[in-house]
Amino acid sequence: MKFAGTSTKPLEIWRSDVSTADALDFARSLAAAAARAGSGAQVGAIGPRPTRPLVLFERETCPFSRLVREALSELDIDALIKPCPEGERTHRAELSALSGDRKIPFLVDENTETQLGESHRIVEYLFERYGRSAPPWRLRWQTLAESSSQLASLVRGTELVYIEPVLRPEKPLELWNYEASPYCRIVREKLDGLALPYISHNLARRSPRRPEFRERHGKLQFPYLFDPNTADGLFESAQIVHHIEQTYAPGLELLAAVAQPHLM
């Protein structure tokens, strides 16, 4: 079965390889995408490409950060993500030095020497600079966008418990993903929970870079993680999560979200 092009196999609890906990986890991730009407699922009219990577300070469960990630997906733009969950110190100190406070999301674009806070300002900037049209209604109508994104956070879980990793990666991990995918969200949450920096390669549907990915890897499937620190390349969200845990937090278990408990 598929929903909006996404396989719903993890919901088939009658299968021996599908647990109730995993099915509930996936259902909540899928519901979060549905709450935003699939925003961030498909690339729109793209314009000039940045030559230097954008940097985004954000938090996976933050409803305002979600809107910026959706814009990046729809504009087919990669970004270095620096997760800032509650309790994390390194990225938050860097953010404070740049912006004067620790409010997220916060975007740094060295291509234009631009630094911006506030999700609606960042979205407008991204579409003006790197798009060829105004933001779609899901992002343009600010009140609706923010309220539906808050609903998505409520459905999925409003906060993740931060655990300091045992080992910090020397180089950022690389994740090929797109915002609306429930499978990709599960991986991003794990990275966020450990505050591991990663390069988000956004390849939403209709991305002109998808054929190159298929040719390189032999299939078109997301998420895909490459860890330059261990030279591991992994498909399947469960395998990726296992790799992250075993490599950077061996013996530790990330806890459930506070408001809406779910297993990562």
Protein backbone atom coordinates (compact mmCIF):
# COMPACT_ATOMS: atom_id res chain seq x y z
CA MET A 1 0.00 0.00 0.00
CA LYS A 2 1.03 3.59 -0.59
CA PHE A 3 -0.10 6.97 0.70
CA ALA A 4 0.82 9.96 -1.46
CA GLY A 5 3.59 7.89 -3.02
CA THR A 6 4.93 6.65 0.33
CA SER A 7 4.89 2.95 1.17
CA THR A 8 2.77 2.18 4.23
CA LYS A 9 4.29 -1.24 4.78
CA PRO A 10 5.36 -0.28 8.35
CA LEU A 11 1.65 -0.02 9.24
CA GLU A 12 0.96 -3.66 8.35
CA ILE A 13 0.97 -4.91 11.93
CA TRP A 14 -0.32 -8.32 10.83
CA ARG A 15 3.13 -9.00 9.41
CA SER A 16 5.54 -10.86 11.68
CA ASP A 17 8.33 -8.34 11.01
CA VAL A 18 6.25 -5.28 12.00
CA SER A 19 5.90 -4.42 15.67
CA THR A 20 3.07 -2.37 17.12
CA ALA A 21 5.56 0.18 18.47
CA ASP A 22 7.21 0.62 15.08
CA ALA A 23 3.82 0.90 13.37
CA LEU A 24 2.71 3.61 15.82
CA ASP A 25 5.99 5.47 15.34
CA PHE A 26 5.62 5.44 11.57
CA ALA A 27 1.92 6.40 11.75
CA ARG A 28 2.78 9.51 13.75
CA SER A 29 5.52 10.43 11.32
CA LEU A 30 3.11 9.99 8.41
CA ALA A 31 0.46 12.05 10.21
CA ALA A 32 2.93 14.91 10.64
CA ALA A 33 3.40 15.04 6.85
CA ALA A 34 -0.37 14.90 6.34
CA ALA A 35 -0.89 17.81 8.75
CA ARG A 36 1.25 19.93 6.42
CA ALA A 37 -0.53 18.68 3.28
CA GLY A 38 2.70 17.14 2.00
CA SER A 39 4.63 20.41 2.00
CA GLY A 40 8.26 19.75 1.15
CA ALA A 41 7.42 16.68 -0.94
CA GLN A 42 8.01 18.12 -4.40
CA VAL A 43 10.43 20.52 -6.04
CA GLY A 44 8.90 23.62 -7.59
CA ALA A 45 10.33 26.32 -9.85
CA ILE A 46 13.98 26.66 -8.90
CA GLY A 47 16.28 29.55 -9.70
CA PRO A 48 20.01 30.22 -9.22
CA ARG A 49 21.95 27.66 -7.22
CA PRO A 50 24.08 28.59 -4.21
CA THR A 51 27.78 27.91 -4.72
CA ARG A 52 28.53 27.71 -1.01
CA PRO A 53 26.47 25.59 1.38
CA LEU A 54 23.79 27.26 3.47
CA VAL A 55 23.87 26.68 7.22
CA LEU A 56 20.71 26.22 9.26
CA PHE A 57 20.50 26.21 13.03
CA GLU A 58 17.26 24.46 13.88
CA ARG A 59 15.46 21.77 15.83
CA GLU A 60 13.66 18.89 14.16
CA THR A 61 10.49 19.18 16.23
CA CYS A 62 10.33 22.98 16.10
CA PRO A 63 7.29 23.95 13.96
CA PHE A 64 9.06 27.06 12.64
CA SER A 65 12.19 25.13 11.71
CA ARG A 66 9.98 22.71 9.79
CA LEU A 67 8.76 25.50 7.50
CA VAL A 68 12.34 26.39 6.56
CA ARG A 69 13.20 22.75 5.87
CA GLU A 70 10.14 22.51 3.64
CA ALA A 71 11.32 25.53 1.69
CA LEU A 72 14.77 24.00 1.25
CA SER A 73 13.19 20.78 -0.05
CA GLU A 74 10.91 22.57 -2.49
CA LEU A 75 13.82 24.66 -3.76
CA ASP A 76 16.15 21.64 -4.03
CA ILE A 77 18.78 23.28 -1.83
CA ASP A 78 21.27 21.47 0.38
CA ALA A 79 22.20 22.82 3.79
CA LEU A 80 24.51 22.06 6.66
CA ILE A 81 22.18 21.38 9.57
CA LYS A 82 23.31 22.21 13.09
CA PRO A 83 20.70 20.76 15.47
CA CYS A 84 19.95 22.81 18.56
CA PRO A 85 17.85 20.64 20.90
CA GLU A 86 17.27 21.83 24.46
CA GLY A 87 20.39 21.19 26.53
CA GLU A 88 22.83 21.17 23.61
CA ARG A 89 25.70 23.61 24.09
CA THR A 90 28.08 23.69 21.11
CA HIS A 91 25.70 24.72 18.32
CA ARG A 92 23.74 26.97 20.64
CA ALA A 93 26.89 28.85 21.64
CA GLU A 94 27.78 29.32 17.98
CA LEU A 95 24.25 30.52 17.26
CA SER A 96 24.38 32.98 20.15
CA ALA A 97 27.67 34.40 18.87
CA LEU A 98 26.17 34.90 15.41
CA SER A 99 22.74 36.23 16.25
CA GLY A 100 22.99 37.55 19.78
CA ASP A 101 20.46 35.04 21.07
CA ARG A 102 19.53 31.38 20.66
CA LYS A 103 16.29 31.67 18.74
CA ILE A 104 15.74 29.15 15.97
CA PRO A 105 15.52 28.76 13.07
CA PHE A 106 18.48 30.83 11.99
CA LEU A 107 19.96 30.78 8.49
CA VAL A 108 23.47 31.71 7.38
CA ASP A 109 24.04 32.19 3.65
CA GLU A 110 27.65 33.04 2.88
CA ASN A 111 26.81 33.40 -0.82
CA THR A 112 25.11 36.71 -0.09
CA GLU A 113 26.54 37.40 3.39
CA THR A 114 23.03 37.04 4.76
CA GLN A 115 22.04 36.02 8.27
CA LEU A 116 18.35 35.69 9.05
CA GLY A 117 16.05 34.62 11.84
CA GLU A 118 12.24 34.19 11.85
CA SER A 119 10.85 31.41 9.68
CA HIS A 120 8.66 33.59 7.45
CA ARG A 121 11.57 35.93 6.68
CA ILE A 122 13.86 33.00 5.87
CA VAL A 123 11.25 31.37 3.61
CA GLU A 124 10.66 34.62 1.73
CA TYR A 125 14.41 35.14 1.31
CA LEU A 126 14.99 31.61 0.01
CA PHE A 127 12.27 31.83 -2.62
CA GLU A 128 13.31 35.33 -3.66
CA ARG A 129 16.98 34.38 -3.98
CA TYR A 130 16.84 30.76 -5.17
CA GLY A 131 13.36 30.32 -6.62
CA ARG A 132 11.46 31.54 -9.65
CA SER A 133 8.08 32.01 -8.03
CA ALA A 134 6.50 33.06 -4.78
CA PRO A 135 6.35 30.49 -1.99
CA PRO A 136 3.46 28.00 -2.39
CA TRP A 137 0.35 28.67 -0.34
CA ARG A 138 1.39 26.13 2.30
CA LEU A 139 4.35 28.37 3.10
CA ARG A 140 3.04 31.76 1.96
CA TRP A 141 -0.02 31.95 4.21
CA GLN A 142 1.86 32.54 7.44
CA THR A 143 -0.90 31.96 9.99
CA LEU A 144 -2.05 28.75 8.31
CA ALA A 145 1.52 27.56 7.83
CA GLU A 146 2.49 28.11 11.44
CA SER A 147 -0.69 26.63 12.91
CA SER A 148 -0.56 23.49 10.74
CA SER A 149 3.15 23.07 11.47
CA GLN A 150 2.41 23.33 15.18
CA LEU A 151 -0.23 20.63 14.69
CA ALA A 152 2.36 18.44 12.96
CA SER A 153 4.71 18.88 15.93
CA LEU A 154 1.89 18.02 18.32
CA VAL A 155 1.01 14.87 16.38
CA ARG A 156 4.60 13.73 16.12
CA GLY A 157 5.84 14.92 19.53
CA THR A 158 6.83 18.42 20.52
CA GLU A 159 10.26 17.74 21.98
CA LEU A 160 13.04 15.19 21.89
CA VAL A 161 15.31 14.45 24.81
CA TYR A 162 18.88 15.45 24.04
CA ILE A 163 21.63 13.02 24.99
CA GLU A 164 25.22 14.09 24.55
CA PRO A 165 26.93 11.68 22.16
CA VAL A 166 29.76 9.50 23.40
CA LEU A 167 31.67 10.27 20.21
CA ARG A 168 31.38 13.36 18.04
CA PRO A 169 31.95 12.98 14.30
CA GLU A 170 35.02 14.68 12.87
CA LYS A 171 33.13 15.38 9.63
CA PRO A 172 29.40 16.10 9.24
CA LEU A 173 27.31 13.11 8.21
CA GLU A 174 25.51 13.35 4.87
CA LEU A 175 21.82 12.57 4.55
CA TRP A 176 19.92 12.34 1.26
CA ASN A 177 16.31 12.99 2.18
CA TYR A 178 13.35 15.30 1.79
CA GLU A 179 11.17 16.96 4.36
CA ALA A 180 7.79 15.27 3.79
CA SER A 181 9.09 11.69 3.94
CA PRO A 182 8.07 9.94 7.20
CA TYR A 183 11.06 7.60 6.85
CA CYS A 184 13.50 10.52 6.56
CA ARG A 185 11.94 12.24 9.56
CA ILE A 186 12.76 9.27 11.80
CA VAL A 187 16.43 9.52 10.85
CA ARG A 188 16.55 13.30 11.27
CA GLU A 189 15.08 12.93 14.76
CA LYS A 190 17.89 10.58 15.71
CA LEU A 191 20.50 13.04 14.44
CA ASP A 192 18.70 15.84 16.27
CA GLY A 193 18.51 13.90 19.52
CA LEU A 194 22.30 13.59 19.52
CA ALA A 195 22.83 17.05 17.96
CA LEU A 196 25.01 15.55 15.24
CA PRO A 197 25.71 18.04 12.43
CA TYR A 198 24.84 16.76 8.98
CA ILE A 199 24.59 17.91 5.41
CA SER A 200 21.00 17.60 4.27
CA HIS A 201 20.90 16.77 0.57
CA ASN A 202 17.29 17.56 -0.32
CA LEU A 203 15.99 15.43 -3.18
CA ALA A 204 12.22 15.84 -3.12
CA ARG A 205 10.09 14.52 -5.97
CA ARG A 206 10.89 16.13 -9.34
CA SER A 207 14.37 17.06 -8.15
CA PRO A 208 16.61 17.36 -11.22
CA ARG A 209 19.31 15.61 -9.19
CA ARG A 210 17.36 12.40 -8.68
CA PRO A 211 18.53 10.73 -11.94
CA GLU A 212 22.15 11.23 -10.89
CA PHE A 213 21.41 9.67 -7.50
CA ARG A 214 19.73 6.67 -9.13
CA GLU A 215 22.63 6.16 -11.50
CA ARG A 216 25.15 6.36 -8.69
CA HIS A 217 23.36 4.10 -6.22
CA GLY A 218 21.36 1.83 -8.50
CA LYS A 219 18.01 2.78 -7.02
CA LEU A 220 15.95 5.75 -5.92
CA GLN A 221 15.26 5.35 -2.23
CA PHE A 222 15.37 7.71 0.73
CA PRO A 223 16.73 8.20 3.27
CA TYR A 224 20.31 7.38 2.37
CA LEU A 225 23.11 8.15 4.81
CA PHE A 226 26.80 8.37 4.07
CA ASP A 227 29.08 8.63 7.07
CA PRO A 228 32.48 9.96 5.90
CA ASN A 229 33.93 9.16 9.31
CA THR A 230 33.37 5.41 8.89
CA ALA A 231 32.90 5.22 5.08
CA ASP A 232 29.50 3.55 5.60
CA GLY A 233 26.65 4.12 3.15
CA LEU A 234 23.23 2.97 4.30
CA PHE A 235 19.65 2.80 3.04
CA GLU A 236 16.64 1.94 5.27
CA SER A 237 15.82 4.19 8.21
CA ALA A 238 16.11 1.39 10.78
CA GLN A 239 19.63 0.50 9.64
CA ILE A 240 20.66 4.15 9.59
CA VAL A 241 19.33 4.73 13.11
CA HIS A 242 21.17 1.62 14.32
CA HIS A 243 24.42 2.88 12.77
CA ILE A 244 24.06 6.30 14.39
CA GLU A 245 23.36 4.80 17.81
CA GLN A 246 26.11 2.22 17.69
CA THR A 247 28.72 4.64 16.32
CA TYR A 248 28.02 7.81 18.29
CA ALA A 249 26.02 6.73 21.34
CA PRO A 250 26.83 3.08 22.09
CA GLY A 251 24.90 1.82 25.09
CA LEU A 252 22.60 4.84 25.16
CA GLU A 253 18.94 4.96 24.20
CA LEU A 254 17.27 8.16 23.04
CA LEU A 255 14.12 8.73 25.00
CA ALA A 256 10.62 9.47 23.79
CA ALA A 257 9.20 12.91 23.08
CA VAL A 258 7.84 14.57 26.20
CA ALA A 259 4.42 15.73 25.02
CA GLN A 260 3.55 12.87 22.68
CA PRO A 261 5.66 9.79 23.55
CA HIS A 262 6.85 7.79 20.57
CA LEU A 263 9.74 5.47 20.02
CA MET A 264 12.46 6.76 17.75
